[in-house]
Amino acid sequence: MATKQQLHDLIERLPENEIATVYRLLAGLLADPLWIASVTAPVDQEPYTPEQQADDAEAQAAIDRGEGISHAQMLREFGLK
């Protein structure tokens, strides 16, 4: 895990013309609670069971056959489009 000092050292090495880009990137990351939760969440320690693998394989096969609903239809169902 990087330290704040290591981050400061990297920032000191940035070319002047990249400072605004890095600032926007960091500000965006800090403003996004989902991102923060995803990078601070503990690693899932539960095993990937044979049953789960079979379910995932079945789902992928259905997608490969063209079954299911489109992304646009899913958005409509959730009132997002």
N, C-alpha and C. Protein backbone atom coordinates (compact mmCIF):
# COMPACT_ATOMS: atom_id res chain seq x y z
N MET A 1 0.85 -1.17 0.00
CA MET A 1 0.00 0.00 0.00
C MET A 1 0.90 1.23 0.00
N ALA A 2 0.57 2.16 -0.85
CA ALA A 2 1.35 3.39 -0.95
C ALA A 2 1.06 4.30 0.25
N THR A 3 2.03 5.11 0.57
CA THR A 3 1.87 6.08 1.65
C THR A 3 1.59 7.45 1.07
N LYS A 4 1.13 8.35 1.93
CA LYS A 4 0.91 9.73 1.49
C LYS A 4 2.22 10.36 1.03
N GLN A 5 3.31 10.01 1.69
CA GLN A 5 4.61 10.56 1.29
C GLN A 5 4.97 10.11 -0.11
N GLN A 6 4.70 8.85 -0.43
CA GLN A 6 4.99 8.36 -1.78
C GLN A 6 4.14 9.11 -2.81
N LEU A 7 2.89 9.39 -2.47
CA LEU A 7 2.03 10.15 -3.36
C LEU A 7 2.56 11.57 -3.53
N HIS A 8 2.98 12.18 -2.44
CA HIS A 8 3.57 13.52 -2.52
C HIS A 8 4.81 13.52 -3.43
N ASP A 9 5.63 12.48 -3.30
CA ASP A 9 6.83 12.38 -4.13
C ASP A 9 6.47 12.30 -5.61
N LEU A 10 5.44 11.52 -5.92
CA LEU A 10 5.00 11.43 -7.31
C LEU A 10 4.48 12.78 -7.81
N ILE A 11 3.72 13.45 -6.98
CA ILE A 11 3.18 14.75 -7.37
C ILE A 11 4.30 15.74 -7.65
N GLU A 12 5.34 15.71 -6.84
CA GLU A 12 6.48 16.60 -7.05
C GLU A 12 7.16 16.34 -8.39
N ARG A 13 7.08 15.13 -8.90
CA ARG A 13 7.72 14.78 -10.17
C ARG A 13 6.84 15.07 -11.38
N LEU A 14 5.58 15.44 -11.15
CA LEU A 14 4.66 15.70 -12.27
C LEU A 14 5.10 16.92 -13.07
N PRO A 15 4.99 16.83 -14.40
CA PRO A 15 5.19 18.03 -15.21
C PRO A 15 4.06 19.03 -14.92
N GLU A 16 4.34 20.28 -14.96
CA GLU A 16 3.35 21.33 -14.66
C GLU A 16 2.08 21.16 -15.48
N ASN A 17 2.22 20.76 -16.74
CA ASN A 17 1.04 20.67 -17.61
C ASN A 17 0.14 19.48 -17.28
N GLU A 18 0.53 18.62 -16.35
CA GLU A 18 -0.28 17.47 -15.96
C GLU A 18 -0.96 17.66 -14.60
N ILE A 19 -0.63 18.72 -13.90
CA ILE A 19 -1.16 18.91 -12.55
C ILE A 19 -2.68 19.02 -12.54
N ALA A 20 -3.24 19.78 -13.46
CA ALA A 20 -4.70 19.94 -13.51
C ALA A 20 -5.40 18.61 -13.77
N THR A 21 -4.83 17.78 -14.63
CA THR A 21 -5.42 16.48 -14.94
C THR A 21 -5.43 15.58 -13.71
N VAL A 22 -4.30 15.53 -13.01
CA VAL A 22 -4.20 14.69 -11.82
C VAL A 22 -5.12 15.21 -10.72
N TYR A 23 -5.22 16.52 -10.61
CA TYR A 23 -6.12 17.10 -9.61
C TYR A 23 -7.56 16.67 -9.87
N ARG A 24 -8.00 16.77 -11.13
CA ARG A 24 -9.38 16.38 -11.46
C ARG A 24 -9.60 14.89 -11.19
N LEU A 25 -8.60 14.08 -11.51
CA LEU A 25 -8.71 12.65 -11.26
C LEU A 25 -8.87 12.37 -9.77
N LEU A 26 -8.01 12.94 -8.95
CA LEU A 26 -8.10 12.70 -7.50
C LEU A 26 -9.39 13.26 -6.91
N ALA A 27 -9.78 14.45 -7.34
CA ALA A 27 -11.02 15.04 -6.83
C ALA A 27 -12.22 14.17 -7.19
N GLY A 28 -12.22 13.64 -8.42
CA GLY A 28 -13.31 12.77 -8.84
C GLY A 28 -13.36 11.48 -8.04
N LEU A 29 -12.20 10.91 -7.78
CA LEU A 29 -12.16 9.67 -7.01
C LEU A 29 -12.67 9.89 -5.59
N LEU A 30 -12.28 10.99 -5.00
CA LEU A 30 -12.70 11.26 -3.62
C LEU A 30 -14.18 11.60 -3.52
N ALA A 31 -14.75 12.09 -4.60
CA ALA A 31 -16.16 12.47 -4.59
C ALA A 31 -17.09 11.30 -4.88
N ASP A 32 -16.53 10.16 -5.26
CA ASP A 32 -17.35 9.02 -5.67
C ASP A 32 -17.39 7.97 -4.56
N PRO A 33 -18.47 7.94 -3.77
CA PRO A 33 -18.54 6.99 -2.65
C PRO A 33 -18.50 5.53 -3.10
N LEU A 34 -19.00 5.22 -4.28
CA LEU A 34 -18.96 3.85 -4.77
C LEU A 34 -17.51 3.43 -5.02
N TRP A 35 -16.74 4.32 -5.63
CA TRP A 35 -15.33 4.01 -5.86
C TRP A 35 -14.61 3.80 -4.53
N ILE A 36 -14.85 4.71 -3.59
CA ILE A 36 -14.21 4.60 -2.28
C ILE A 36 -14.56 3.27 -1.63
N ALA A 37 -15.83 2.88 -1.68
CA ALA A 37 -16.25 1.61 -1.09
C ALA A 37 -15.59 0.43 -1.80
N SER A 38 -15.46 0.51 -3.12
CA SER A 38 -14.89 -0.62 -3.85
C SER A 38 -13.41 -0.81 -3.58
N VAL A 39 -12.67 0.26 -3.36
CA VAL A 39 -11.23 0.11 -3.13
C VAL A 39 -10.89 -0.13 -1.66
N THR A 40 -11.84 0.11 -0.79
CA THR A 40 -11.57 -0.12 0.63
C THR A 40 -12.26 -1.38 1.17
N ALA A 41 -13.05 -2.02 0.33
CA ALA A 41 -13.76 -3.23 0.76
C ALA A 41 -12.78 -4.38 0.98
N PRO A 42 -13.06 -5.23 1.95
CA PRO A 42 -12.19 -6.39 2.15
C PRO A 42 -12.30 -7.35 0.97
N VAL A 43 -11.25 -8.09 0.72
CA VAL A 43 -11.25 -9.08 -0.34
C VAL A 43 -12.20 -10.21 0.04
N ASP A 44 -13.00 -10.66 -0.93
CA ASP A 44 -13.92 -11.77 -0.71
C ASP A 44 -13.11 -13.04 -0.49
N GLN A 45 -13.28 -13.65 0.67
CA GLN A 45 -12.52 -14.85 1.01
C GLN A 45 -13.31 -16.14 0.79
N GLU A 46 -14.57 -16.01 0.36
CA GLU A 46 -15.38 -17.22 0.18
C GLU A 46 -14.98 -17.92 -1.12
N PRO A 47 -15.00 -19.25 -1.10
CA PRO A 47 -14.60 -19.99 -2.31
C PRO A 47 -15.64 -19.84 -3.41
N TYR A 48 -15.17 -19.95 -4.63
CA TYR A 48 -16.02 -19.95 -5.82
C TYR A 48 -16.44 -21.40 -6.04
N THR A 49 -17.64 -21.73 -5.62
CA THR A 49 -18.08 -23.13 -5.55
C THR A 49 -18.37 -23.70 -6.94
N PRO A 50 -18.33 -25.01 -7.06
CA PRO A 50 -18.69 -25.63 -8.33
C PRO A 50 -20.11 -25.26 -8.78
N GLU A 51 -21.02 -25.11 -7.83
CA GLU A 51 -22.39 -24.72 -8.17
C GLU A 51 -22.41 -23.31 -8.79
N GLN A 52 -21.65 -22.40 -8.20
CA GLN A 52 -21.58 -21.05 -8.75
C GLN A 52 -20.95 -21.06 -10.14
N GLN A 53 -19.92 -21.86 -10.30
CA GLN A 53 -19.27 -21.97 -11.60
C GLN A 53 -20.24 -22.50 -12.65
N ALA A 54 -21.03 -23.50 -12.27
CA ALA A 54 -22.01 -24.06 -13.20
C ALA A 54 -23.09 -23.02 -13.54
N ASP A 55 -23.56 -22.28 -12.54
CA ASP A 55 -24.55 -21.23 -12.79
C ASP A 55 -23.99 -20.17 -13.73
N ASP A 56 -22.75 -19.77 -13.52
CA ASP A 56 -22.13 -18.76 -14.37
C ASP A 56 -21.95 -19.28 -15.79
N ALA A 57 -21.54 -20.54 -15.93
CA ALA A 57 -21.38 -21.13 -17.26
C ALA A 57 -22.72 -21.20 -17.99
N GLU A 58 -23.77 -21.55 -17.25
CA GLU A 58 -25.12 -21.60 -17.84
C GLU A 58 -25.57 -20.21 -18.29
N ALA A 59 -25.33 -19.22 -17.47
CA ALA A 59 -25.69 -17.84 -17.81
C ALA A 59 -24.91 -17.37 -19.04
N GLN A 60 -23.61 -17.67 -19.10
CA GLN A 60 -22.82 -17.27 -20.26
C GLN A 60 -23.29 -17.96 -21.52
N ALA A 61 -23.67 -19.23 -21.41
CA ALA A 61 -24.18 -19.97 -22.57
C ALA A 61 -25.48 -19.33 -23.08
N ALA A 62 -26.34 -18.90 -22.15
CA ALA A 62 -27.59 -18.25 -22.54
C ALA A 62 -27.30 -16.93 -23.27
N ILE A 63 -26.32 -16.18 -22.76
CA ILE A 63 -25.94 -14.93 -23.42
C ILE A 63 -25.40 -15.23 -24.81
N ASP A 64 -24.56 -16.25 -24.92
CA ASP A 64 -23.98 -16.62 -26.22
C ASP A 64 -25.06 -17.03 -27.22
N ARG A 65 -26.17 -17.60 -26.72
CA ARG A 65 -27.28 -17.98 -27.60
C ARG A 65 -28.18 -16.80 -27.94
N GLY A 66 -27.89 -15.63 -27.36
CA GLY A 66 -28.70 -14.44 -27.64
C GLY A 66 -29.94 -14.34 -26.79
N GLU A 67 -30.00 -15.10 -25.72
CA GLU A 67 -31.15 -15.06 -24.84
C GLU A 67 -30.99 -13.91 -23.85
N GLY A 68 -32.07 -13.54 -23.20
CA GLY A 68 -32.02 -12.47 -22.21
C GLY A 68 -32.61 -11.19 -22.76
N ILE A 69 -32.34 -10.10 -22.09
CA ILE A 69 -32.87 -8.82 -22.52
C ILE A 69 -31.70 -7.89 -22.84
N SER A 70 -31.99 -6.92 -23.69
CA SER A 70 -30.94 -5.99 -24.10
C SER A 70 -30.65 -4.99 -22.97
N HIS A 71 -29.51 -4.36 -23.08
CA HIS A 71 -29.13 -3.33 -22.11
C HIS A 71 -30.16 -2.19 -22.12
N ALA A 72 -30.59 -1.79 -23.31
CA ALA A 72 -31.59 -0.72 -23.42
C ALA A 72 -32.89 -1.10 -22.75
N GLN A 73 -33.32 -2.35 -22.93
CA GLN A 73 -34.56 -2.80 -22.30
C GLN A 73 -34.41 -2.80 -20.78
N MET A 74 -33.26 -3.22 -20.29
CA MET A 74 -33.04 -3.22 -18.85
C MET A 74 -33.10 -1.80 -18.29
N LEU A 75 -32.49 -0.85 -18.99
CA LEU A 75 -32.55 0.54 -18.55
C LEU A 75 -33.99 1.03 -18.49
N ARG A 76 -34.78 0.67 -19.52
CA ARG A 76 -36.19 1.08 -19.52
C ARG A 76 -36.94 0.48 -18.35
N GLU A 77 -36.68 -0.79 -18.05
CA GLU A 77 -37.37 -1.45 -16.94
C GLU A 77 -37.08 -0.79 -15.60
N PHE A 78 -35.89 -0.23 -15.47
CA PHE A 78 -35.53 0.45 -14.24
C PHE A 78 -35.81 1.94 -14.29
N GLY A 79 -36.46 2.38 -15.38
CA GLY A 79 -36.82 3.79 -15.52
C GLY A 79 -35.63 4.70 -15.73
N LEU A 80 -34.58 4.17 -16.33
CA LEU A 80 -33.36 4.96 -16.52
C LEU A 80 -33.21 5.46 -17.95
N LYS A 81 -34.18 5.15 -18.79
CA LYS A 81 -34.10 5.61 -20.19
C LYS A 81 -35.48 5.82 -20.74
